Amino acid sequence: MKYITTVNNKRFEIEIDSDGNIAVDGDPRLVDFRAMEGNSVFSLIIDNISFEAVVEERDGKYHVLIRGDQYEVLVQDERALRLAEAAGGGLMGASSGEVVIRSPMPGGIVAVPVTEGQDVKKGQTVVVLESMKMENELKAPRDGVIAHVHVAPGDNVEQNKALITIH
């Protein structure tokens, strides 16, 4: 299976074959990856170098802390990437047309600081979602106009629920 992985805006192609062998941009790598504590701390050995990684998923991306350095990681499998591109955009949507912001996890809506018809800028908070006692600010992936607000403060949502539509 191939994965297209973007780390701090740099793109990598990661391929994992049926035997578990891993190649990054065609270069074979020796990798051992194991969960340690709960769901957020991992032991990672890459080419015989040991790392401890703290991984948190929010806003549809992984936020990874290794040796004091923070990385924002977006992972798409090859099939999902092709489907998104065929639909007219990447994971977060095209630069024009409709973008639906969906809940990356189940939780409760704390705030919706936008209204239908409002202009928004890329990176502007459009929904605040509380999950696992943490507030997550979901942001507009591009400039646009709020076409539809699907939720209100106090609503409970499941993962992948449509929250906001932007045109």
N, C-alpha and C. Protein backbone atom coordinates (compact mmCIF):
# COMPACT_ATOMS: atom_id res chain seq x y z
N MET A 1 0.85 -1.17 0.00
CA MET A 1 0.00 0.00 0.00
C MET A 1 0.90 1.23 0.00
N LYS A 2 0.53 2.22 -0.81
CA LYS A 2 1.27 3.48 -0.86
C LYS A 2 0.50 4.55 -0.09
N TYR A 3 1.25 5.37 0.63
CA TYR A 3 0.70 6.49 1.36
C TYR A 3 1.43 7.75 0.93
N ILE A 4 0.68 8.80 0.71
CA ILE A 4 1.26 10.10 0.43
C ILE A 4 1.21 10.85 1.75
N THR A 5 2.38 11.20 2.27
CA THR A 5 2.49 11.80 3.59
C THR A 5 3.14 13.15 3.47
N THR A 6 2.50 14.16 4.04
CA THR A 6 3.05 15.51 4.02
C THR A 6 3.45 15.86 5.45
N VAL A 7 4.75 16.17 5.63
CA VAL A 7 5.29 16.52 6.94
C VAL A 7 5.77 17.96 6.86
N ASN A 8 5.11 18.86 7.61
CA ASN A 8 5.46 20.29 7.59
C ASN A 8 5.60 20.79 6.16
N ASN A 9 4.62 20.48 5.32
CA ASN A 9 4.53 20.92 3.93
C ASN A 9 5.54 20.27 2.99
N LYS A 10 6.25 19.23 3.42
CA LYS A 10 7.14 18.47 2.54
C LYS A 10 6.50 17.11 2.29
N ARG A 11 6.39 16.72 1.02
CA ARG A 11 5.65 15.51 0.64
C ARG A 11 6.59 14.31 0.50
N PHE A 12 6.13 13.15 1.03
CA PHE A 12 6.87 11.89 0.94
C PHE A 12 5.93 10.81 0.45
N GLU A 13 6.48 9.85 -0.30
CA GLU A 13 5.71 8.68 -0.70
C GLU A 13 6.23 7.51 0.11
N ILE A 14 5.33 6.91 0.90
CA ILE A 14 5.71 5.79 1.76
C ILE A 14 4.99 4.55 1.25
N GLU A 15 5.76 3.51 1.00
CA GLU A 15 5.18 2.27 0.51
C GLU A 15 5.47 1.15 1.50
N ILE A 16 4.41 0.42 1.86
CA ILE A 16 4.53 -0.72 2.76
C ILE A 16 4.07 -1.94 1.98
N ASP A 17 4.98 -2.91 1.79
CA ASP A 17 4.60 -4.09 1.00
C ASP A 17 3.94 -5.14 1.90
N SER A 18 3.51 -6.24 1.30
CA SER A 18 2.76 -7.26 2.03
C SER A 18 3.60 -7.96 3.10
N ASP A 19 4.93 -7.85 3.04
CA ASP A 19 5.80 -8.43 4.06
C ASP A 19 6.13 -7.43 5.17
N GLY A 20 5.59 -6.21 5.08
CA GLY A 20 5.84 -5.20 6.10
C GLY A 20 7.10 -4.38 5.85
N ASN A 21 7.74 -4.57 4.70
CA ASN A 21 8.91 -3.76 4.36
C ASN A 21 8.47 -2.35 3.99
N ILE A 22 9.27 -1.36 4.39
CA ILE A 22 8.90 0.04 4.18
C ILE A 22 9.94 0.75 3.32
N ALA A 23 9.45 1.56 2.37
CA ALA A 23 10.32 2.40 1.55
C ALA A 23 9.77 3.82 1.61
N VAL A 24 10.68 4.78 1.78
CA VAL A 24 10.31 6.20 1.79
C VAL A 24 10.93 6.81 0.54
N ASP A 25 10.09 7.32 -0.34
CA ASP A 25 10.53 7.86 -1.64
C ASP A 25 11.44 6.87 -2.37
N GLY A 26 11.08 5.58 -2.27
CA GLY A 26 11.82 4.53 -2.97
C GLY A 26 13.02 3.98 -2.21
N ASP A 27 13.42 4.60 -1.11
CA ASP A 27 14.57 4.13 -0.32
C ASP A 27 14.09 3.20 0.79
N PRO A 28 14.59 1.95 0.82
CA PRO A 28 14.18 1.03 1.89
C PRO A 28 14.61 1.54 3.26
N ARG A 29 13.75 1.35 4.25
CA ARG A 29 14.04 1.76 5.64
C ARG A 29 13.71 0.62 6.57
N LEU A 30 14.52 0.47 7.62
CA LEU A 30 14.22 -0.48 8.69
C LEU A 30 13.45 0.29 9.75
N VAL A 31 12.19 -0.13 10.00
CA VAL A 31 11.33 0.61 10.91
C VAL A 31 10.65 -0.36 11.88
N ASP A 32 10.67 0.01 13.16
CA ASP A 32 9.90 -0.69 14.18
C ASP A 32 9.09 0.38 14.91
N PHE A 33 7.77 0.19 14.98
CA PHE A 33 6.87 1.21 15.50
C PHE A 33 5.92 0.52 16.47
N ARG A 34 5.97 0.91 17.76
CA ARG A 34 5.12 0.24 18.77
C ARG A 34 4.50 1.26 19.72
N ALA A 35 3.24 1.03 20.06
CA ALA A 35 2.56 1.87 21.04
C ALA A 35 3.12 1.54 22.42
N MET A 36 3.32 2.61 23.23
CA MET A 36 3.86 2.41 24.58
C MET A 36 2.79 2.69 25.63
N GLU A 37 2.40 3.95 25.78
CA GLU A 37 1.46 4.36 26.81
C GLU A 37 0.18 4.85 26.17
N GLY A 38 -0.92 4.19 26.48
CA GLY A 38 -2.19 4.64 25.93
C GLY A 38 -2.17 4.65 24.42
N ASN A 39 -2.75 5.69 23.84
CA ASN A 39 -2.81 5.79 22.38
C ASN A 39 -1.95 6.91 21.84
N SER A 40 -1.09 7.52 22.67
CA SER A 40 -0.40 8.71 22.18
C SER A 40 1.12 8.64 22.21
N VAL A 41 1.72 7.70 22.95
CA VAL A 41 3.18 7.62 23.02
C VAL A 41 3.64 6.36 22.29
N PHE A 42 4.64 6.54 21.42
CA PHE A 42 5.11 5.44 20.59
C PHE A 42 6.63 5.32 20.65
N SER A 43 7.11 4.10 20.58
CA SER A 43 8.53 3.82 20.41
C SER A 43 8.75 3.63 18.92
N LEU A 44 9.74 4.32 18.41
CA LEU A 44 10.00 4.30 16.98
C LEU A 44 11.49 4.08 16.76
N ILE A 45 11.82 3.03 16.03
CA ILE A 45 13.22 2.77 15.68
C ILE A 45 13.30 2.82 14.16
N ILE A 46 14.07 3.79 13.65
CA ILE A 46 14.24 3.95 12.22
C ILE A 46 15.71 3.79 11.89
N ASP A 47 16.03 2.81 11.04
CA ASP A 47 17.42 2.52 10.67
C ASP A 47 18.31 2.45 11.90
N ASN A 48 17.85 1.71 12.93
CA ASN A 48 18.58 1.45 14.17
C ASN A 48 18.77 2.67 15.06
N ILE A 49 18.01 3.74 14.85
CA ILE A 49 18.05 4.92 15.72
C ILE A 49 16.70 4.98 16.44
N SER A 50 16.75 5.07 17.78
CA SER A 50 15.55 5.03 18.60
C SER A 50 15.00 6.43 18.85
N PHE A 51 13.68 6.54 18.76
CA PHE A 51 12.96 7.78 19.03
C PHE A 51 11.75 7.47 19.89
N GLU A 52 11.32 8.44 20.67
CA GLU A 52 10.03 8.37 21.34
C GLU A 52 9.19 9.47 20.72
N ALA A 53 7.98 9.12 20.31
CA ALA A 53 7.11 10.08 19.64
C ALA A 53 5.79 10.19 20.39
N VAL A 54 5.33 11.43 20.54
CA VAL A 54 3.99 11.69 21.08
C VAL A 54 3.15 12.10 19.87
N VAL A 55 2.06 11.39 19.65
CA VAL A 55 1.23 11.61 18.47
C VAL A 55 -0.19 11.97 18.91
N GLU A 56 -0.69 13.06 18.36
CA GLU A 56 -2.06 13.50 18.65
C GLU A 56 -2.73 13.81 17.32
N GLU A 57 -3.95 13.30 17.15
CA GLU A 57 -4.70 13.61 15.93
C GLU A 57 -5.69 14.72 16.22
N ARG A 58 -5.66 15.77 15.41
CA ARG A 58 -6.64 16.84 15.49
C ARG A 58 -6.70 17.56 14.16
N ASP A 59 -7.86 18.09 13.87
CA ASP A 59 -8.10 18.82 12.63
C ASP A 59 -7.77 17.98 11.40
N GLY A 60 -7.95 16.65 11.50
CA GLY A 60 -7.69 15.78 10.36
C GLY A 60 -6.23 15.54 10.08
N LYS A 61 -5.34 15.99 10.96
CA LYS A 61 -3.90 15.80 10.79
C LYS A 61 -3.33 15.23 12.07
N TYR A 62 -2.14 14.68 11.95
CA TYR A 62 -1.42 14.20 13.12
C TYR A 62 -0.41 15.26 13.52
N HIS A 63 -0.31 15.48 14.82
CA HIS A 63 0.69 16.39 15.36
C HIS A 63 1.65 15.52 16.14
N VAL A 64 2.92 15.50 15.71
CA VAL A 64 3.91 14.57 16.24
C VAL A 64 5.03 15.36 16.89
N LEU A 65 5.36 14.97 18.12
CA LEU A 65 6.46 15.59 18.86
C LEU A 65 7.56 14.55 19.02
N ILE A 66 8.73 14.84 18.44
CA ILE A 66 9.90 13.97 18.55
C ILE A 66 11.09 14.82 18.92
N ARG A 67 11.73 14.46 20.03
CA ARG A 67 12.93 15.16 20.49
C ARG A 67 12.74 16.68 20.56
N GLY A 68 11.57 17.11 20.99
CA GLY A 68 11.30 18.53 21.15
C GLY A 68 10.88 19.25 19.88
N ASP A 69 10.88 18.56 18.77
CA ASP A 69 10.45 19.16 17.50
C ASP A 69 9.03 18.72 17.18
N GLN A 70 8.20 19.70 16.80
CA GLN A 70 6.79 19.45 16.47
C GLN A 70 6.64 19.33 14.96
N TYR A 71 5.93 18.30 14.51
CA TYR A 71 5.68 18.09 13.09
C TYR A 71 4.18 17.97 12.86
N GLU A 72 3.69 18.59 11.79
CA GLU A 72 2.30 18.43 11.38
C GLU A 72 2.31 17.45 10.22
N VAL A 73 1.56 16.36 10.36
CA VAL A 73 1.63 15.26 9.39
C VAL A 73 0.23 14.97 8.84
N LEU A 74 0.13 14.96 7.53
CA LEU A 74 -1.11 14.60 6.84
C LEU A 74 -0.83 13.31 6.07
N VAL A 75 -1.67 12.30 6.26
CA VAL A 75 -1.46 11.00 5.63
C VAL A 75 -2.69 10.66 4.79
N GLN A 76 -2.44 10.29 3.52
CA GLN A 76 -3.52 9.81 2.65
C GLN A 76 -3.03 8.56 1.96
N ASP A 77 -3.91 7.55 1.88
CA ASP A 77 -3.49 6.41 1.07
C ASP A 77 -3.66 6.78 -0.40
N GLU A 78 -2.97 6.06 -1.24
CA GLU A 78 -2.92 6.39 -2.67
C GLU A 78 -4.31 6.45 -3.29
N ARG A 79 -5.19 5.53 -2.90
CA ARG A 79 -6.54 5.47 -3.46
C ARG A 79 -7.34 6.71 -3.04
N ALA A 80 -7.27 7.09 -1.75
CA ALA A 80 -8.01 8.26 -1.27
C ALA A 80 -7.50 9.52 -1.95
N LEU A 81 -6.19 9.61 -2.17
CA LEU A 81 -5.63 10.78 -2.84
C LEU A 81 -6.14 10.87 -4.28
N ARG A 82 -6.16 9.75 -4.99
CA ARG A 82 -6.66 9.76 -6.38
C ARG A 82 -8.13 10.17 -6.42
N LEU A 83 -8.94 9.66 -5.48
CA LEU A 83 -10.35 10.03 -5.44
C LEU A 83 -10.52 11.52 -5.16
N ALA A 84 -9.74 12.05 -4.21
CA ALA A 84 -9.83 13.48 -3.88
C ALA A 84 -9.42 14.33 -5.07
N GLU A 85 -8.35 13.93 -5.75
CA GLU A 85 -7.89 14.69 -6.91
C GLU A 85 -8.91 14.62 -8.04
N ALA A 86 -9.54 13.46 -8.23
CA ALA A 86 -10.55 13.31 -9.28
C ALA A 86 -11.78 14.17 -8.97
N ALA A 87 -12.04 14.37 -7.68
CA ALA A 87 -13.18 15.19 -7.27
C ALA A 87 -12.87 16.67 -7.36
N GLY A 88 -11.62 17.00 -7.68
CA GLY A 88 -11.29 18.40 -7.89
C GLY A 88 -10.44 19.03 -6.81
N GLY A 89 -9.85 18.24 -5.93
CA GLY A 89 -9.00 18.86 -4.92
C GLY A 89 -8.27 17.83 -4.10
N GLY A 90 -7.49 18.32 -3.16
CA GLY A 90 -6.75 17.46 -2.25
C GLY A 90 -7.64 17.05 -1.10
N LEU A 91 -7.04 16.66 0.00
CA LEU A 91 -7.78 16.17 1.14
C LEU A 91 -8.75 17.20 1.67
N MET A 92 -8.34 18.44 1.78
CA MET A 92 -9.17 19.46 2.40
C MET A 92 -10.09 20.16 1.41
N GLY A 93 -9.98 19.84 0.13
CA GLY A 93 -10.89 20.45 -0.83
C GLY A 93 -10.15 21.30 -1.83
N ALA A 94 -10.84 21.72 -2.85
CA ALA A 94 -10.26 22.51 -3.92
C ALA A 94 -10.16 23.97 -3.50
N SER A 95 -9.46 24.74 -4.35
CA SER A 95 -9.35 26.17 -4.06
C SER A 95 -10.63 26.90 -4.43
N SER A 96 -11.52 26.23 -5.15
CA SER A 96 -12.84 26.79 -5.42
C SER A 96 -13.84 25.65 -5.34
N GLY A 97 -15.13 25.99 -5.32
CA GLY A 97 -16.14 24.96 -5.16
C GLY A 97 -16.47 24.76 -3.69
N GLU A 98 -17.10 23.65 -3.40
CA GLU A 98 -17.59 23.39 -2.05
C GLU A 98 -16.59 22.59 -1.23
N VAL A 99 -16.42 22.98 0.04
CA VAL A 99 -15.58 22.25 0.99
C VAL A 99 -16.45 21.97 2.20
N VAL A 100 -16.49 20.72 2.62
CA VAL A 100 -17.24 20.36 3.82
C VAL A 100 -16.25 20.03 4.91
N ILE A 101 -16.32 20.77 6.02
CA ILE A 101 -15.47 20.49 7.17
C ILE A 101 -16.21 19.48 8.03
N ARG A 102 -15.54 18.35 8.30
CA ARG A 102 -16.16 17.26 9.04
C ARG A 102 -15.46 17.07 10.38
N SER A 103 -16.17 16.51 11.31
CA SER A 103 -15.61 16.26 12.63
C SER A 103 -14.53 15.18 12.54
N PRO A 104 -13.30 15.47 13.01
CA PRO A 104 -12.25 14.47 12.95
C PRO A 104 -12.39 13.41 14.03
N MET A 105 -13.31 13.64 15.00
CA MET A 105 -13.51 12.69 16.10
C MET A 105 -14.86 12.99 16.73
N PRO A 106 -15.40 12.05 17.51
CA PRO A 106 -16.65 12.35 18.20
C PRO A 106 -16.41 13.38 19.30
N GLY A 107 -17.42 14.17 19.60
CA GLY A 107 -17.26 15.17 20.67
C GLY A 107 -18.45 16.08 20.74
N GLY A 108 -18.26 17.18 21.47
CA GLY A 108 -19.32 18.16 21.65
C GLY A 108 -18.92 19.49 21.04
N ILE A 109 -19.88 20.16 20.43
CA ILE A 109 -19.62 21.47 19.83
C ILE A 109 -19.64 22.52 20.94
N VAL A 110 -18.52 23.21 21.11
CA VAL A 110 -18.38 24.25 22.13
C VAL A 110 -18.80 25.60 21.57
N ALA A 111 -18.35 25.89 20.34
CA ALA A 111 -18.66 27.19 19.74
C ALA A 111 -18.65 27.08 18.22
N VAL A 112 -19.44 27.93 17.59
CA VAL A 112 -19.45 28.08 16.14
C VAL A 112 -19.35 29.58 15.89
N PRO A 113 -18.10 30.09 15.78
CA PRO A 113 -17.91 31.54 15.68
C PRO A 113 -18.15 32.14 14.30
N VAL A 114 -18.86 31.40 13.43
CA VAL A 114 -19.18 31.91 12.10
C VAL A 114 -20.68 31.75 11.85
N THR A 115 -21.18 32.49 10.85
CA THR A 115 -22.59 32.38 10.48
C THR A 115 -22.69 32.20 8.97
N GLU A 116 -23.82 31.68 8.53
CA GLU A 116 -24.03 31.50 7.10
C GLU A 116 -23.94 32.84 6.40
N GLY A 117 -23.26 32.85 5.25
CA GLY A 117 -23.08 34.07 4.47
C GLY A 117 -21.82 34.85 4.84
N GLN A 118 -21.16 34.46 5.91
CA GLN A 118 -19.97 35.18 6.38
C GLN A 118 -18.74 34.79 5.54
N ASP A 119 -17.92 35.79 5.19
CA ASP A 119 -16.64 35.53 4.53
C ASP A 119 -15.67 35.00 5.57
N VAL A 120 -14.87 33.98 5.18
CA VAL A 120 -13.83 33.46 6.07
C VAL A 120 -12.51 33.40 5.32
N LYS A 121 -11.44 33.47 6.06
CA LYS A 121 -10.09 33.38 5.52
C LYS A 121 -9.49 32.02 5.88
N LYS A 122 -8.59 31.54 5.06
CA LYS A 122 -7.88 30.31 5.35
C LYS A 122 -7.25 30.40 6.73
N GLY A 123 -7.45 29.37 7.55
CA GLY A 123 -6.88 29.34 8.89
C GLY A 123 -7.77 29.92 9.97
N GLN A 124 -8.90 30.53 9.58
CA GLN A 124 -9.82 31.11 10.55
C GLN A 124 -10.61 29.99 11.23
N THR A 125 -10.76 30.07 12.55
CA THR A 125 -11.52 29.08 13.31
C THR A 125 -12.99 29.16 12.92
N VAL A 126 -13.58 28.01 12.57
CA VAL A 126 -14.99 27.97 12.19
C VAL A 126 -15.83 27.13 13.16
N VAL A 127 -15.20 26.23 13.89
CA VAL A 127 -15.89 25.41 14.89
C VAL A 127 -14.89 25.07 16.00
N VAL A 128 -15.38 25.07 17.24
CA VAL A 128 -14.58 24.59 18.36
C VAL A 128 -15.27 23.31 18.85
N LEU A 129 -14.51 22.20 18.81
CA LEU A 129 -15.01 20.88 19.15
C LEU A 129 -14.28 20.38 20.39
N GLU A 130 -15.02 19.96 21.40
CA GLU A 130 -14.40 19.37 22.58
C GLU A 130 -14.47 17.86 22.46
N SER A 131 -13.31 17.23 22.65
CA SER A 131 -13.24 15.78 22.62
C SER A 131 -12.15 15.35 23.59
N MET A 132 -12.44 14.38 24.39
CA MET A 132 -11.48 13.87 25.38
C MET A 132 -10.93 15.00 26.25
N LYS A 133 -11.81 15.89 26.67
CA LYS A 133 -11.51 17.01 27.56
C LYS A 133 -10.55 18.03 26.95
N MET A 134 -10.41 18.02 25.63
CA MET A 134 -9.56 18.99 24.93
C MET A 134 -10.41 19.74 23.93
N GLU A 135 -10.19 21.06 23.83
CA GLU A 135 -10.88 21.84 22.82
C GLU A 135 -10.02 21.89 21.56
N ASN A 136 -10.64 21.57 20.44
CA ASN A 136 -9.96 21.55 19.15
C ASN A 136 -10.59 22.61 18.26
N GLU A 137 -9.77 23.54 17.78
CA GLU A 137 -10.26 24.56 16.86
C GLU A 137 -10.15 24.04 15.44
N LEU A 138 -11.27 23.88 14.78
CA LEU A 138 -11.28 23.45 13.38
C LEU A 138 -11.27 24.70 12.52
N LYS A 139 -10.37 24.75 11.57
CA LYS A 139 -10.13 25.97 10.81
C LYS A 139 -10.51 25.81 9.34
N ALA A 140 -10.81 26.93 8.72
CA ALA A 140 -11.14 26.95 7.29
C ALA A 140 -9.89 26.55 6.50
N PRO A 141 -10.02 25.60 5.57
CA PRO A 141 -8.87 25.17 4.78
C PRO A 141 -8.52 26.13 3.65
N ARG A 142 -9.43 27.09 3.38
CA ARG A 142 -9.19 28.08 2.33
C ARG A 142 -10.13 29.26 2.54
N ASP A 143 -9.88 30.33 1.82
CA ASP A 143 -10.80 31.47 1.85
C ASP A 143 -12.13 31.04 1.23
N GLY A 144 -13.22 31.64 1.69
CA GLY A 144 -14.52 31.33 1.11
C GLY A 144 -15.65 32.00 1.87
N VAL A 145 -16.85 31.52 1.60
CA VAL A 145 -18.06 32.02 2.25
C VAL A 145 -18.75 30.84 2.92
N ILE A 146 -19.19 31.03 4.17
CA ILE A 146 -19.91 29.97 4.87
C ILE A 146 -21.25 29.76 4.18
N ALA A 147 -21.43 28.59 3.58
CA ALA A 147 -22.66 28.29 2.87
C ALA A 147 -23.70 27.66 3.80
N HIS A 148 -23.22 26.83 4.74
CA HIS A 148 -24.16 26.17 5.64
C HIS A 148 -23.47 25.81 6.94
N VAL A 149 -24.13 26.08 8.05
CA VAL A 149 -23.66 25.67 9.37
C VAL A 149 -24.56 24.49 9.78
N HIS A 150 -23.96 23.31 9.93
CA HIS A 150 -24.72 22.09 10.20
C HIS A 150 -24.90 21.81 11.68
N VAL A 151 -24.20 22.54 12.56
CA VAL A 151 -24.23 22.26 14.00
C VAL A 151 -24.38 23.55 14.80
N ALA A 152 -24.67 23.38 16.08
CA ALA A 152 -24.81 24.52 16.99
C ALA A 152 -24.11 24.17 18.30
N PRO A 153 -23.70 25.18 19.07
CA PRO A 153 -23.09 24.89 20.37
C PRO A 153 -24.00 24.00 21.21
N GLY A 154 -23.39 23.02 21.87
CA GLY A 154 -24.14 22.06 22.68
C GLY A 154 -24.45 20.77 21.96
N ASP A 155 -24.35 20.76 20.61
CA ASP A 155 -24.60 19.52 19.86
C ASP A 155 -23.50 18.51 20.13
N ASN A 156 -23.87 17.24 20.17
CA ASN A 156 -22.89 16.15 20.20
C ASN A 156 -22.80 15.60 18.78
N VAL A 157 -21.56 15.34 18.33
CA VAL A 157 -21.37 14.87 16.96
C VAL A 157 -20.52 13.60 16.94
N GLU A 158 -20.73 12.81 15.93
CA GLU A 158 -19.93 11.62 15.69
C GLU A 158 -18.79 11.98 14.75
N GLN A 159 -17.79 11.12 14.70
CA GLN A 159 -16.69 11.32 13.78
C GLN A 159 -17.23 11.38 12.35
N ASN A 160 -16.67 12.27 11.56
CA ASN A 160 -16.99 12.44 10.14
C ASN A 160 -18.32 13.16 9.88
N LYS A 161 -18.96 13.69 10.92
CA LYS A 161 -20.20 14.45 10.74
C LYS A 161 -19.88 15.78 10.06
N ALA A 162 -20.68 16.18 9.09
CA ALA A 162 -20.52 17.49 8.44
C ALA A 162 -20.81 18.58 9.46
N LEU A 163 -19.88 19.54 9.58
CA LEU A 163 -20.02 20.63 10.53
C LEU A 163 -20.30 21.95 9.83
N ILE A 164 -19.51 22.27 8.81
CA ILE A 164 -19.58 23.54 8.09
C ILE A 164 -19.35 23.27 6.61
N THR A 165 -20.10 23.95 5.76
CA THR A 165 -19.86 23.90 4.32
C THR A 165 -19.40 25.29 3.88
N ILE A 166 -18.30 25.32 3.14
CA ILE A 166 -17.74 26.57 2.63
C ILE A 166 -17.78 26.56 1.12
N HIS A 167 -18.24 27.67 0.52
CA HIS A 167 -18.19 27.85 -0.95
C HIS A 167 -17.10 28.82 -1.30
